[in-house]
Amino acid sequence: MDYQNEAAKTVEKMTSYRAENSDEWKTAKKHKDVTVFVRPSKEFGGSQYKVEGIVNAPPETVFEYVDPKPGDSKRMKWDKNVKNIEAIEELGDDMRIIRVVTSSALMGVISSRDFIDVVKTVKNDDFISTNAVSIEHPKGAVDSKYVRGWNYPSCLTCMRIPGEPNKTRMVNFLQPDLSGMLPRSIVESAMPGSQVEFFENLRNCLKEDGKLTAPHD
């Protein structure tokens, strides 16, 4: 598989998603300044989610905490949905292939999943983002302990706010297929709350580490 091409196509899709002005998005959940939108995915039979919120810390700092890096990753300090991030192959300074193992959810109703993703980092004057899509890889054999999931093109984006260098506008897109025998209704009922929790846990960790530039309401 041409991993470079898969990553490039994912970055291109994320660019188009951020630029579009679509009335397909419906509000799934709003909590304080975090809003979760949902619409039917164009990639598979499930849903695509867009999550927007403000974090009172510079984009470089926020990205350091959300970047799914293997090993000594700050993401592992706070993201309760992630059980492990394992390096499979390094493809350069801005690209890698990883296995992400998720924690079980809903008191075990949703069991642990693993995803084999190619991840590319993009940094420019407007944002820093991590862009991911699931791929097949010879070192990514299915592990019987987990259900193999599949991430369709997704990203975590730390947008710069003009005139506000100590604030970050996060705009995230995700469309995971959790596979297995789960009713889609269970996944879709759990996802919005999970994304709000993502922001809450990120902010709490930044606060504990003294990285927030101002308190959140």
Protein backbone atom coordinates (compact mmCIF):
# COMPACT_ATOMS: atom_id res chain seq x y z
CA MET A 1 0.00 0.00 0.00
CA ASP A 2 1.16 3.53 -0.77
CA TYR A 3 0.97 5.00 2.74
CA GLN A 4 2.20 8.41 1.60
CA ASN A 5 -0.65 8.63 -0.88
CA GLU A 6 -3.23 7.50 1.68
CA ALA A 7 -2.03 10.17 4.10
CA ALA A 8 -2.04 12.85 1.39
CA LYS A 9 -5.61 11.98 0.38
CA THR A 10 -6.67 12.20 4.03
CA VAL A 11 -5.10 15.64 4.46
CA GLU A 12 -6.87 16.79 1.29
CA LYS A 13 -10.23 15.56 2.58
CA MET A 14 -9.73 17.25 5.93
CA THR A 15 -8.92 20.51 4.14
CA SER A 16 -12.17 20.28 2.20
CA TYR A 17 -14.17 19.45 5.35
CA ARG A 18 -12.82 22.49 7.19
CA ALA A 19 -13.58 24.75 4.22
CA GLU A 20 -17.10 23.58 3.47
CA ASN A 21 -20.25 25.33 4.59
CA SER A 22 -22.74 22.49 4.74
CA ASP A 23 -26.27 22.48 6.15
CA GLU A 24 -26.05 18.69 6.57
CA TRP A 25 -24.58 19.03 10.06
CA LYS A 26 -27.01 18.62 12.94
CA THR A 27 -26.19 19.49 16.56
CA ALA A 28 -25.83 16.23 18.52
CA LYS A 29 -24.69 17.74 21.83
CA LYS A 30 -23.66 21.12 23.22
CA HIS A 31 -21.94 21.60 26.56
CA LYS A 32 -20.67 25.07 27.47
CA ASP A 33 -18.45 26.06 24.53
CA VAL A 34 -18.07 22.56 23.05
CA THR A 35 -20.44 21.57 20.25
CA VAL A 36 -20.69 18.13 18.64
CA PHE A 37 -22.24 17.98 15.17
CA VAL A 38 -23.24 14.84 13.27
CA ARG A 39 -24.20 13.89 9.71
CA PRO A 40 -24.23 10.70 7.64
CA SER A 41 -20.72 9.70 6.61
CA LYS A 42 -19.87 9.73 2.91
CA GLU A 43 -17.30 6.99 3.54
CA PHE A 44 -19.35 4.22 5.18
CA GLY A 45 -22.81 3.44 6.55
CA GLY A 46 -22.28 5.20 9.88
CA SER A 47 -21.95 8.80 11.03
CA GLN A 48 -19.33 11.50 10.74
CA TYR A 49 -18.78 13.85 13.67
CA LYS A 50 -17.42 17.39 13.82
CA VAL A 51 -16.44 18.73 17.23
CA GLU A 52 -15.62 22.37 17.93
CA GLY A 53 -14.43 24.05 21.10
CA ILE A 54 -12.02 26.60 22.56
CA VAL A 55 -9.01 25.70 24.70
CA ASN A 56 -7.22 28.46 26.62
CA ALA A 57 -3.69 27.49 25.66
CA PRO A 58 -1.47 28.12 22.58
CA PRO A 59 -1.96 25.78 19.59
CA GLU A 60 1.54 24.33 19.95
CA THR A 61 0.83 23.41 23.57
CA VAL A 62 -2.57 21.90 22.83
CA PHE A 63 -1.18 19.89 19.93
CA GLU A 64 1.53 18.46 22.16
CA TYR A 65 -1.22 17.04 24.37
CA VAL A 66 -3.51 15.67 21.62
CA ASP A 67 -0.87 14.26 19.25
CA PRO A 68 -1.22 10.44 19.29
CA LYS A 69 2.48 9.73 19.70
CA PRO A 70 3.68 6.29 20.79
CA GLY A 71 5.84 5.93 23.86
CA ASP A 72 5.99 8.81 26.32
CA SER A 73 2.88 10.54 24.98
CA LYS A 74 1.08 13.33 26.82
CA ARG A 75 -2.11 12.01 25.21
CA MET A 76 -1.89 8.96 27.46
CA LYS A 77 -1.99 11.17 30.58
CA TRP A 78 -5.56 12.32 30.07
CA ASP A 79 -7.42 10.55 27.25
CA LYS A 80 -9.43 7.89 29.07
CA ASN A 81 -10.61 6.42 25.76
CA VAL A 82 -7.08 5.42 24.77
CA LYS A 83 -5.50 2.39 26.41
CA ASN A 84 -2.28 2.19 24.40
CA ILE A 85 -0.50 3.74 21.42
CA GLU A 86 2.08 1.51 19.75
CA ALA A 87 4.56 2.42 17.03
CA ILE A 88 4.47 0.15 13.98
CA GLU A 89 6.53 2.11 11.45
CA GLU A 90 8.10 5.57 11.25
CA LEU A 91 7.76 7.18 7.82
CA GLY A 92 9.56 10.44 8.56
CA ASP A 93 9.36 13.33 11.01
CA ASP A 94 5.74 14.09 10.16
CA MET A 95 4.31 10.62 9.41
CA ARG A 96 4.02 7.31 11.22
CA ILE A 97 1.93 4.16 11.41
CA ILE A 98 0.51 3.34 14.81
CA ARG A 99 -1.77 0.88 16.56
CA VAL A 100 -4.23 2.57 18.90
CA VAL A 101 -6.01 0.40 21.47
CA THR A 102 -9.14 1.93 22.99
CA SER A 103 -10.53 1.36 26.45
CA SER A 104 -13.83 -0.44 26.90
CA ALA A 105 -16.83 1.84 27.32
CA LEU A 106 -20.37 1.89 28.72
CA MET A 107 -19.41 -0.48 31.55
CA GLY A 108 -18.01 -3.00 29.11
CA VAL A 109 -20.89 -2.91 26.60
CA ILE A 110 -18.39 -1.55 24.05
CA SER A 111 -15.27 -3.71 24.35
CA SER A 112 -11.71 -2.62 23.52
CA ARG A 113 -10.94 -1.93 19.87
CA ASP A 114 -7.67 -1.58 18.03
CA PHE A 115 -7.01 0.57 14.96
CA ILE A 116 -4.03 0.52 12.59
CA ASP A 117 -3.65 4.09 11.30
CA VAL A 118 -1.28 6.08 9.16
CA VAL A 119 -0.97 9.50 10.81
CA LYS A 120 0.38 12.68 9.23
CA THR A 121 1.11 15.98 10.97
CA VAL A 122 0.46 19.24 9.13
CA LYS A 123 1.69 22.58 10.46
CA ASN A 124 1.16 25.96 8.80
CA ASP A 125 0.30 29.57 9.65
CA ASP A 126 -3.35 28.69 10.28
CA PHE A 127 -3.27 25.46 12.28
CA ILE A 128 -1.47 22.33 13.47
CA SER A 129 -3.25 19.06 12.81
CA THR A 130 -2.88 15.34 13.09
CA ASN A 131 -4.60 13.52 10.22
CA ALA A 132 -5.34 9.79 10.37
CA VAL A 133 -6.90 6.98 8.35
CA SER A 134 -6.91 3.24 8.95
CA ILE A 135 -4.82 1.04 6.68
CA GLU A 136 -3.77 -2.57 6.24
CA HIS A 137 -0.18 -3.25 7.37
CA PRO A 138 1.84 -6.48 7.48
CA LYS A 139 2.82 -5.77 11.10
CA GLY A 140 -0.74 -5.00 12.12
CA ALA A 141 -2.06 -8.52 12.59
CA VAL A 142 -5.45 -8.88 14.24
CA ASP A 143 -5.18 -9.51 17.99
CA SER A 144 -7.89 -11.76 19.43
CA LYS A 145 -8.03 -9.58 22.57
CA TYR A 146 -9.54 -6.71 20.57
CA VAL A 147 -12.16 -6.07 17.93
CA ARG A 148 -10.49 -4.51 14.89
CA GLY A 149 -11.99 -1.11 14.18
CA TRP A 150 -11.53 1.18 11.20
CA ASN A 151 -11.02 4.94 11.20
CA TYR A 152 -12.22 6.64 8.06
CA PRO A 153 -10.45 9.96 7.31
CA SER A 154 -10.23 11.99 10.51
CA CYS A 155 -8.26 14.78 12.14
CA LEU A 156 -7.62 16.75 15.30
CA THR A 157 -6.99 20.38 14.36
CA CYS A 158 -5.56 23.11 16.58
CA MET A 159 -6.61 26.33 14.82
CA ARG A 160 -4.85 29.62 15.48
CA ILE A 161 -7.15 32.50 16.48
CA PRO A 162 -6.05 35.87 15.00
CA GLY A 163 -5.04 38.23 17.80
CA GLU A 164 -5.37 35.46 20.43
CA PRO A 165 -2.03 33.62 20.51
CA ASN A 166 -2.84 31.98 23.85
CA LYS A 167 -6.11 30.42 22.69
CA THR A 168 -6.81 27.49 20.39
CA ARG A 169 -9.94 26.74 18.42
CA MET A 170 -10.13 22.99 18.04
CA VAL A 171 -12.02 21.61 15.04
CA ASN A 172 -12.00 17.82 14.96
CA PHE A 173 -13.51 15.41 12.44
CA LEU A 174 -13.96 11.72 13.13
CA GLN A 175 -15.86 8.80 11.62
CA PRO A 176 -14.91 5.53 13.31
CA ASP A 177 -16.39 2.17 12.40
CA LEU A 178 -16.24 0.16 15.63
CA SER A 179 -17.19 -3.07 13.82
CA GLY A 180 -18.23 -6.11 15.84
CA MET A 181 -21.85 -6.85 16.72
CA LEU A 182 -22.68 -3.48 18.27
CA PRO A 183 -26.03 -1.93 17.34
CA ARG A 184 -25.29 1.36 15.61
CA SER A 185 -27.69 3.12 17.98
CA ILE A 186 -25.42 2.34 20.94
CA VAL A 187 -22.37 3.81 19.21
CA GLU A 188 -24.21 6.92 18.09
CA SER A 189 -25.67 7.55 21.54
CA ALA A 190 -22.24 7.25 23.18
CA MET A 191 -20.13 9.27 20.75
CA PRO A 192 -21.32 12.87 21.45
CA GLY A 193 -20.84 12.55 25.22
CA SER A 194 -17.45 10.96 24.66
CA GLN A 195 -16.32 13.94 22.60
CA VAL A 196 -17.43 16.44 25.23
CA GLU A 197 -15.52 14.40 27.80
CA PHE A 198 -12.48 14.55 25.49
CA PHE A 199 -12.39 18.34 25.85
CA GLU A 200 -13.05 18.28 29.59
CA ASN A 201 -10.25 15.80 30.25
CA LEU A 202 -7.83 17.69 28.00
CA ARG A 203 -8.52 20.96 29.79
CA ASN A 204 -8.20 19.35 33.22
CA CYS A 205 -4.81 17.92 32.31
CA LEU A 206 -3.60 21.24 30.91
CA LYS A 207 -4.77 22.94 34.10
CA GLU A 208 -2.99 20.39 36.31
CA ASP A 209 0.20 20.92 34.31
CA GLY A 210 -0.09 24.70 34.58
CA LYS A 211 -0.52 25.14 30.83
CA LEU A 212 -3.87 26.97 30.71
CA THR A 213 -3.59 30.69 30.04
CA ALA A 214 -7.01 31.41 31.61
CA PRO A 215 -9.70 29.36 33.38
CA HIS A 216 -12.62 27.94 31.45
CA ASP A 217 -16.17 28.59 32.55
